[in-house]
N, C-alpha and C. Protein backbone atom coordinates (compact mmCIF):
# COMPACT_ATOMS: atom_id res chain seq x y z
N MET A 1 43.70 2.57 -1.17
CA MET A 1 42.81 1.45 -1.43
C MET A 1 43.41 0.17 -0.86
N ASP A 2 42.54 -0.65 -0.29
CA ASP A 2 42.98 -1.91 0.30
C ASP A 2 42.93 -2.99 -0.77
N GLU A 3 44.09 -3.54 -1.13
CA GLU A 3 44.19 -4.53 -2.19
C GLU A 3 44.19 -5.97 -1.68
N ARG A 4 44.05 -6.15 -0.35
CA ARG A 4 43.94 -7.51 0.19
C ARG A 4 42.62 -8.13 -0.27
N ARG A 5 42.57 -9.45 -0.32
CA ARG A 5 41.33 -10.15 -0.65
C ARG A 5 40.36 -10.00 0.52
N CYS A 6 39.10 -9.84 0.20
CA CYS A 6 38.08 -9.66 1.23
C CYS A 6 37.92 -10.95 2.03
N PRO A 7 37.83 -10.84 3.36
CA PRO A 7 37.64 -12.04 4.20
C PRO A 7 36.36 -12.82 3.89
N CYS A 8 35.37 -12.17 3.27
CA CYS A 8 34.09 -12.84 3.03
C CYS A 8 34.17 -13.94 1.99
N GLY A 9 35.29 -14.03 1.26
CA GLY A 9 35.46 -15.10 0.29
C GLY A 9 34.92 -14.81 -1.09
N SER A 10 34.58 -13.58 -1.38
CA SER A 10 34.04 -13.23 -2.70
C SER A 10 35.09 -13.30 -3.80
N GLY A 11 36.37 -13.20 -3.43
CA GLY A 11 37.44 -13.14 -4.42
C GLY A 11 37.81 -11.72 -4.80
N GLU A 12 37.00 -10.76 -4.39
CA GLU A 12 37.27 -9.35 -4.65
C GLU A 12 38.23 -8.79 -3.60
N THR A 13 38.74 -7.61 -3.86
CA THR A 13 39.55 -6.93 -2.84
C THR A 13 38.63 -6.39 -1.76
N VAL A 14 39.18 -6.11 -0.59
CA VAL A 14 38.39 -5.53 0.50
C VAL A 14 37.73 -4.24 0.03
N ALA A 15 38.49 -3.39 -0.66
CA ALA A 15 37.97 -2.10 -1.11
C ALA A 15 36.81 -2.25 -2.08
N ALA A 16 36.87 -3.23 -2.96
CA ALA A 16 35.81 -3.43 -3.95
C ALA A 16 34.63 -4.22 -3.41
N CYS A 17 34.80 -4.81 -2.24
CA CYS A 17 33.76 -5.68 -1.69
C CYS A 17 33.22 -5.10 -0.38
N CYS A 18 33.45 -5.75 0.72
CA CYS A 18 32.85 -5.37 2.00
C CYS A 18 33.42 -4.08 2.61
N GLY A 19 34.61 -3.70 2.21
CA GLY A 19 35.21 -2.48 2.75
C GLY A 19 34.35 -1.26 2.55
N ARG A 20 33.67 -1.18 1.41
CA ARG A 20 32.82 -0.02 1.13
C ARG A 20 31.61 0.02 2.06
N TYR A 21 31.13 -1.15 2.46
CA TYR A 21 30.01 -1.20 3.41
C TYR A 21 30.47 -0.82 4.81
N LEU A 22 31.61 -1.36 5.23
CA LEU A 22 32.11 -1.06 6.56
C LEU A 22 32.47 0.41 6.72
N SER A 23 32.86 1.05 5.63
CA SER A 23 33.20 2.47 5.69
C SER A 23 31.98 3.37 5.56
N GLY A 24 30.79 2.77 5.34
CA GLY A 24 29.57 3.56 5.23
C GLY A 24 29.33 4.15 3.85
N GLU A 25 30.14 3.74 2.89
CA GLU A 25 30.04 4.27 1.53
C GLU A 25 28.75 3.83 0.84
N ALA A 26 28.28 2.63 1.15
CA ALA A 26 27.07 2.08 0.52
C ALA A 26 26.40 1.13 1.50
N ALA A 27 25.16 0.76 1.19
CA ALA A 27 24.45 -0.24 1.99
C ALA A 27 24.44 -1.54 1.21
N PRO A 28 24.66 -2.67 1.86
CA PRO A 28 24.61 -3.95 1.16
C PRO A 28 23.26 -4.12 0.46
N PRO A 29 23.25 -4.54 -0.80
CA PRO A 29 22.01 -4.63 -1.58
C PRO A 29 21.17 -5.88 -1.31
N SER A 30 21.71 -6.83 -0.56
CA SER A 30 20.98 -8.08 -0.32
C SER A 30 21.33 -8.63 1.06
N ALA A 31 20.50 -9.58 1.50
CA ALA A 31 20.77 -10.24 2.78
C ALA A 31 22.11 -10.96 2.74
N GLU A 32 22.43 -11.60 1.61
CA GLU A 32 23.72 -12.30 1.51
C GLU A 32 24.88 -11.32 1.58
N ALA A 33 24.77 -10.18 0.91
CA ALA A 33 25.85 -9.19 0.96
C ALA A 33 26.01 -8.66 2.39
N LEU A 34 24.89 -8.49 3.11
CA LEU A 34 25.01 -8.04 4.50
C LEU A 34 25.68 -9.13 5.34
N MET A 35 25.32 -10.40 5.11
CA MET A 35 25.95 -11.50 5.86
C MET A 35 27.45 -11.50 5.61
N ARG A 36 27.86 -11.36 4.37
CA ARG A 36 29.28 -11.34 4.04
C ARG A 36 29.98 -10.16 4.70
N SER A 37 29.34 -9.00 4.69
CA SER A 37 29.97 -7.83 5.31
C SER A 37 30.05 -7.97 6.82
N ARG A 38 29.08 -8.62 7.43
CA ARG A 38 29.13 -8.86 8.88
C ARG A 38 30.26 -9.84 9.22
N PHE A 39 30.46 -10.86 8.39
CA PHE A 39 31.59 -11.76 8.61
C PHE A 39 32.90 -10.97 8.53
N THR A 40 33.01 -10.11 7.52
CA THR A 40 34.20 -9.28 7.38
C THR A 40 34.39 -8.39 8.61
N ALA A 41 33.30 -7.86 9.14
CA ALA A 41 33.38 -7.02 10.35
C ALA A 41 33.93 -7.84 11.52
N PHE A 42 33.49 -9.08 11.67
CA PHE A 42 34.06 -9.95 12.71
C PHE A 42 35.55 -10.16 12.45
N ALA A 43 35.90 -10.41 11.19
CA ALA A 43 37.30 -10.70 10.84
C ALA A 43 38.22 -9.52 11.12
N VAL A 44 37.72 -8.30 10.96
CA VAL A 44 38.58 -7.12 11.17
C VAL A 44 38.31 -6.44 12.51
N GLY A 45 37.37 -6.98 13.30
CA GLY A 45 37.11 -6.44 14.64
C GLY A 45 36.31 -5.17 14.66
N ASP A 46 35.35 -5.01 13.75
CA ASP A 46 34.55 -3.78 13.65
C ASP A 46 33.21 -3.95 14.36
N GLU A 47 33.23 -3.80 15.69
CA GLU A 47 32.01 -3.95 16.49
C GLU A 47 30.95 -2.92 16.13
N SER A 48 31.35 -1.71 15.80
CA SER A 48 30.37 -0.67 15.49
C SER A 48 29.54 -1.03 14.25
N TYR A 49 30.17 -1.65 13.24
CA TYR A 49 29.43 -2.07 12.06
C TYR A 49 28.45 -3.19 12.41
N LEU A 50 28.88 -4.12 13.23
CA LEU A 50 28.00 -5.21 13.62
C LEU A 50 26.76 -4.67 14.32
N LEU A 51 26.96 -3.73 15.23
CA LEU A 51 25.81 -3.15 15.94
C LEU A 51 24.93 -2.34 15.00
N ALA A 52 25.51 -1.59 14.09
CA ALA A 52 24.73 -0.76 13.17
C ALA A 52 23.89 -1.59 12.22
N THR A 53 24.31 -2.82 11.93
CA THR A 53 23.58 -3.67 11.00
C THR A 53 22.68 -4.68 11.70
N TRP A 54 22.57 -4.57 13.01
CA TRP A 54 21.67 -5.41 13.79
C TRP A 54 20.33 -4.70 13.82
N HIS A 55 19.24 -5.41 13.60
CA HIS A 55 17.91 -4.79 13.58
C HIS A 55 17.69 -4.03 14.90
N PRO A 56 17.24 -2.77 14.82
CA PRO A 56 17.08 -1.96 16.03
C PRO A 56 16.16 -2.58 17.09
N ASP A 57 15.18 -3.38 16.68
CA ASP A 57 14.26 -3.99 17.64
C ASP A 57 14.91 -5.06 18.50
N VAL A 58 16.03 -5.62 18.04
CA VAL A 58 16.67 -6.72 18.79
C VAL A 58 18.16 -6.47 19.03
N ARG A 59 18.64 -5.28 18.72
CA ARG A 59 20.06 -4.95 18.84
C ARG A 59 20.50 -4.99 20.30
N PRO A 60 21.57 -5.73 20.60
CA PRO A 60 22.10 -5.74 21.97
C PRO A 60 22.87 -4.44 22.24
N PRO A 61 23.13 -4.14 23.50
CA PRO A 61 23.87 -2.91 23.81
C PRO A 61 25.33 -2.96 23.35
N SER A 62 25.88 -4.15 23.23
CA SER A 62 27.26 -4.28 22.76
C SER A 62 27.41 -5.64 22.08
N CYS A 63 28.51 -5.77 21.36
CA CYS A 63 28.80 -7.01 20.64
C CYS A 63 30.30 -7.26 20.72
N PRO A 64 30.79 -7.61 21.91
CA PRO A 64 32.23 -7.79 22.06
C PRO A 64 32.77 -8.89 21.13
N ILE A 65 33.86 -8.57 20.48
CA ILE A 65 34.50 -9.51 19.57
C ILE A 65 35.68 -10.14 20.30
N ASP A 66 35.73 -11.46 20.32
CA ASP A 66 36.80 -12.18 21.00
C ASP A 66 38.13 -11.88 20.30
N PRO A 67 39.06 -11.22 20.98
CA PRO A 67 40.33 -10.89 20.35
C PRO A 67 41.20 -12.13 20.06
N GLN A 68 40.87 -13.26 20.69
CA GLN A 68 41.60 -14.50 20.46
C GLN A 68 41.14 -15.22 19.19
N ALA A 69 39.93 -14.86 18.72
CA ALA A 69 39.37 -15.55 17.54
C ALA A 69 39.89 -14.91 16.26
N ARG A 70 40.31 -15.75 15.35
CA ARG A 70 40.72 -15.30 14.01
C ARG A 70 39.77 -15.97 13.02
N TRP A 71 38.94 -15.17 12.38
CA TRP A 71 37.96 -15.70 11.43
C TRP A 71 38.67 -16.00 10.13
N LEU A 72 38.63 -17.25 9.69
CA LEU A 72 39.42 -17.72 8.55
C LEU A 72 38.69 -17.63 7.22
N TYR A 73 37.49 -18.17 7.15
CA TYR A 73 36.74 -18.07 5.90
C TYR A 73 35.26 -18.36 6.12
N LEU A 74 34.50 -17.96 5.12
CA LEU A 74 33.04 -18.06 5.14
C LEU A 74 32.58 -18.87 3.94
N THR A 75 31.64 -19.78 4.18
CA THR A 75 31.01 -20.52 3.10
C THR A 75 29.50 -20.32 3.21
N ILE A 76 28.90 -19.82 2.15
CA ILE A 76 27.44 -19.67 2.12
C ILE A 76 26.85 -21.00 1.68
N ILE A 77 25.94 -21.54 2.48
CA ILE A 77 25.33 -22.84 2.21
C ILE A 77 24.02 -22.68 1.44
N ASP A 78 23.19 -21.70 1.85
CA ASP A 78 21.88 -21.54 1.25
C ASP A 78 21.42 -20.10 1.42
N VAL A 79 20.67 -19.61 0.44
CA VAL A 79 20.08 -18.28 0.51
C VAL A 79 18.62 -18.39 0.10
N LEU A 80 17.75 -17.86 0.93
CA LEU A 80 16.32 -17.86 0.64
C LEU A 80 15.85 -16.41 0.62
N ASP A 81 15.41 -15.95 -0.53
CA ASP A 81 14.97 -14.56 -0.71
C ASP A 81 16.11 -13.60 -0.35
N GLY A 82 15.78 -12.43 0.15
CA GLY A 82 16.82 -11.49 0.56
C GLY A 82 17.36 -10.60 -0.53
N SER A 83 16.66 -10.50 -1.67
CA SER A 83 17.10 -9.61 -2.74
C SER A 83 16.50 -8.22 -2.51
N PRO A 84 16.86 -7.24 -3.33
CA PRO A 84 16.25 -5.91 -3.18
C PRO A 84 14.73 -5.92 -3.37
N PHE A 85 14.18 -7.01 -3.89
CA PHE A 85 12.74 -7.10 -4.12
C PHE A 85 12.00 -7.79 -2.96
N HIS A 86 12.74 -8.21 -1.93
CA HIS A 86 12.14 -8.89 -0.78
C HIS A 86 12.21 -8.00 0.47
N ARG A 87 11.36 -8.31 1.42
CA ARG A 87 11.40 -7.62 2.72
C ARG A 87 12.18 -8.43 3.75
N SER A 88 12.37 -9.72 3.47
CA SER A 88 13.10 -10.58 4.40
C SER A 88 13.93 -11.58 3.61
N GLY A 89 14.84 -12.20 4.32
CA GLY A 89 15.68 -13.21 3.71
C GLY A 89 16.35 -14.06 4.77
N VAL A 90 16.84 -15.21 4.33
CA VAL A 90 17.53 -16.14 5.22
C VAL A 90 18.83 -16.56 4.53
N VAL A 91 19.90 -16.56 5.29
CA VAL A 91 21.20 -17.01 4.77
C VAL A 91 21.76 -18.04 5.73
N GLU A 92 22.06 -19.22 5.21
CA GLU A 92 22.71 -20.25 6.02
C GLU A 92 24.18 -20.27 5.61
N PHE A 93 25.05 -20.32 6.61
CA PHE A 93 26.48 -20.23 6.34
C PHE A 93 27.28 -21.05 7.34
N VAL A 94 28.54 -21.28 6.99
CA VAL A 94 29.52 -21.85 7.89
C VAL A 94 30.68 -20.86 7.94
N ALA A 95 31.01 -20.43 9.15
CA ALA A 95 32.15 -19.54 9.36
C ALA A 95 33.22 -20.31 10.13
N VAL A 96 34.40 -20.40 9.57
CA VAL A 96 35.49 -21.15 10.18
C VAL A 96 36.43 -20.17 10.88
N TYR A 97 36.83 -20.54 12.09
CA TYR A 97 37.69 -19.67 12.89
C TYR A 97 38.75 -20.49 13.61
N ARG A 98 39.71 -19.78 14.16
CA ARG A 98 40.71 -20.39 15.03
C ARG A 98 40.77 -19.51 16.28
N ASP A 99 40.75 -20.17 17.45
CA ASP A 99 40.88 -19.44 18.71
C ASP A 99 41.83 -20.20 19.63
N ALA A 100 41.84 -19.85 20.89
CA ALA A 100 42.75 -20.47 21.85
C ALA A 100 42.54 -21.98 21.96
N ASP A 101 41.33 -22.45 21.66
CA ASP A 101 41.02 -23.88 21.73
C ASP A 101 41.28 -24.61 20.42
N GLY A 102 41.71 -23.90 19.40
CA GLY A 102 41.97 -24.52 18.10
C GLY A 102 40.98 -24.08 17.05
N ARG A 103 40.87 -24.89 16.04
CA ARG A 103 40.00 -24.57 14.90
C ARG A 103 38.56 -24.97 15.21
N GLY A 104 37.63 -24.13 14.78
CA GLY A 104 36.22 -24.43 15.00
C GLY A 104 35.39 -23.85 13.87
N GLU A 105 34.11 -24.16 13.91
CA GLU A 105 33.22 -23.58 12.92
C GLU A 105 31.88 -23.25 13.54
N LEU A 106 31.31 -22.19 13.01
CA LEU A 106 29.99 -21.74 13.42
C LEU A 106 29.08 -21.94 12.21
N ARG A 107 28.06 -22.77 12.38
CA ARG A 107 27.07 -22.95 11.31
C ARG A 107 25.78 -22.33 11.81
N GLU A 108 25.25 -21.41 11.00
CA GLU A 108 24.08 -20.66 11.45
C GLU A 108 23.14 -20.42 10.28
N ARG A 109 21.87 -20.38 10.60
CA ARG A 109 20.83 -19.97 9.65
C ARG A 109 20.33 -18.63 10.18
N SER A 110 20.66 -17.55 9.46
CA SER A 110 20.40 -16.19 9.92
C SER A 110 19.22 -15.58 9.19
N ALA A 111 18.40 -14.86 9.94
CA ALA A 111 17.25 -14.15 9.38
C ALA A 111 17.59 -12.66 9.25
N PHE A 112 17.16 -12.07 8.14
CA PHE A 112 17.41 -10.67 7.86
C PHE A 112 16.10 -9.99 7.45
N GLU A 113 16.04 -8.69 7.69
CA GLU A 113 14.86 -7.92 7.32
C GLU A 113 15.32 -6.62 6.66
N ARG A 114 14.60 -6.21 5.61
CA ARG A 114 14.91 -4.96 4.94
C ARG A 114 13.94 -3.90 5.43
N VAL A 115 14.49 -2.81 5.96
CA VAL A 115 13.70 -1.70 6.48
C VAL A 115 14.18 -0.41 5.81
N ASP A 116 13.26 0.30 5.18
CA ASP A 116 13.60 1.55 4.49
C ASP A 116 14.80 1.39 3.56
N GLY A 117 14.84 0.26 2.85
CA GLY A 117 15.89 0.02 1.87
C GLY A 117 17.18 -0.54 2.41
N CYS A 118 17.30 -0.71 3.72
CA CYS A 118 18.53 -1.25 4.32
C CYS A 118 18.26 -2.61 4.95
N TRP A 119 19.22 -3.52 4.76
CA TRP A 119 19.12 -4.85 5.34
C TRP A 119 19.69 -4.85 6.76
N TYR A 120 19.02 -5.62 7.65
CA TYR A 120 19.46 -5.77 9.04
C TYR A 120 19.44 -7.23 9.44
N TYR A 121 20.40 -7.60 10.27
CA TYR A 121 20.44 -8.93 10.89
C TYR A 121 19.39 -8.95 11.99
N VAL A 122 18.55 -10.01 12.02
CA VAL A 122 17.51 -10.12 13.04
C VAL A 122 17.85 -11.20 14.06
N SER A 123 18.17 -12.39 13.58
CA SER A 123 18.45 -13.50 14.51
C SER A 123 19.15 -14.62 13.77
N GLY A 124 19.69 -15.55 14.56
CA GLY A 124 20.35 -16.70 13.97
C GLY A 124 20.12 -17.94 14.79
N THR A 125 19.97 -19.05 14.09
CA THR A 125 19.82 -20.34 14.74
C THR A 125 21.06 -21.17 14.41
N HIS A 126 21.76 -21.58 15.45
CA HIS A 126 22.96 -22.40 15.24
C HIS A 126 22.53 -23.80 14.84
N ARG A 127 23.27 -24.36 13.89
CA ARG A 127 22.96 -25.68 13.35
C ARG A 127 23.95 -26.69 13.87
């Protein structure tokens, strides 16, 4: 079991939080949980998880992760819908990283859709 704190900022261990999603043990129950697990996938370099959680209608052929980028932390700014009772949801977040150019942040408002009980990333608008 992985006892490190999850990169998504939940305060839980990786094993109790996003690790179970990345290992395929369970599907994230909400758009926010999927957003957190996708951040964790970026932090640990799991391109296959990122592609698997991208909506099939808009999924790119690849999602190269910059090996120079170190994802530091995630802050959720706003959540609109995205529960197990919704078909869609929006999560606005700030992801802080460090790369060869120094510290930076990505602020995005991401759209998610639930298909057959699973949440998928559809698109994001940078803020």
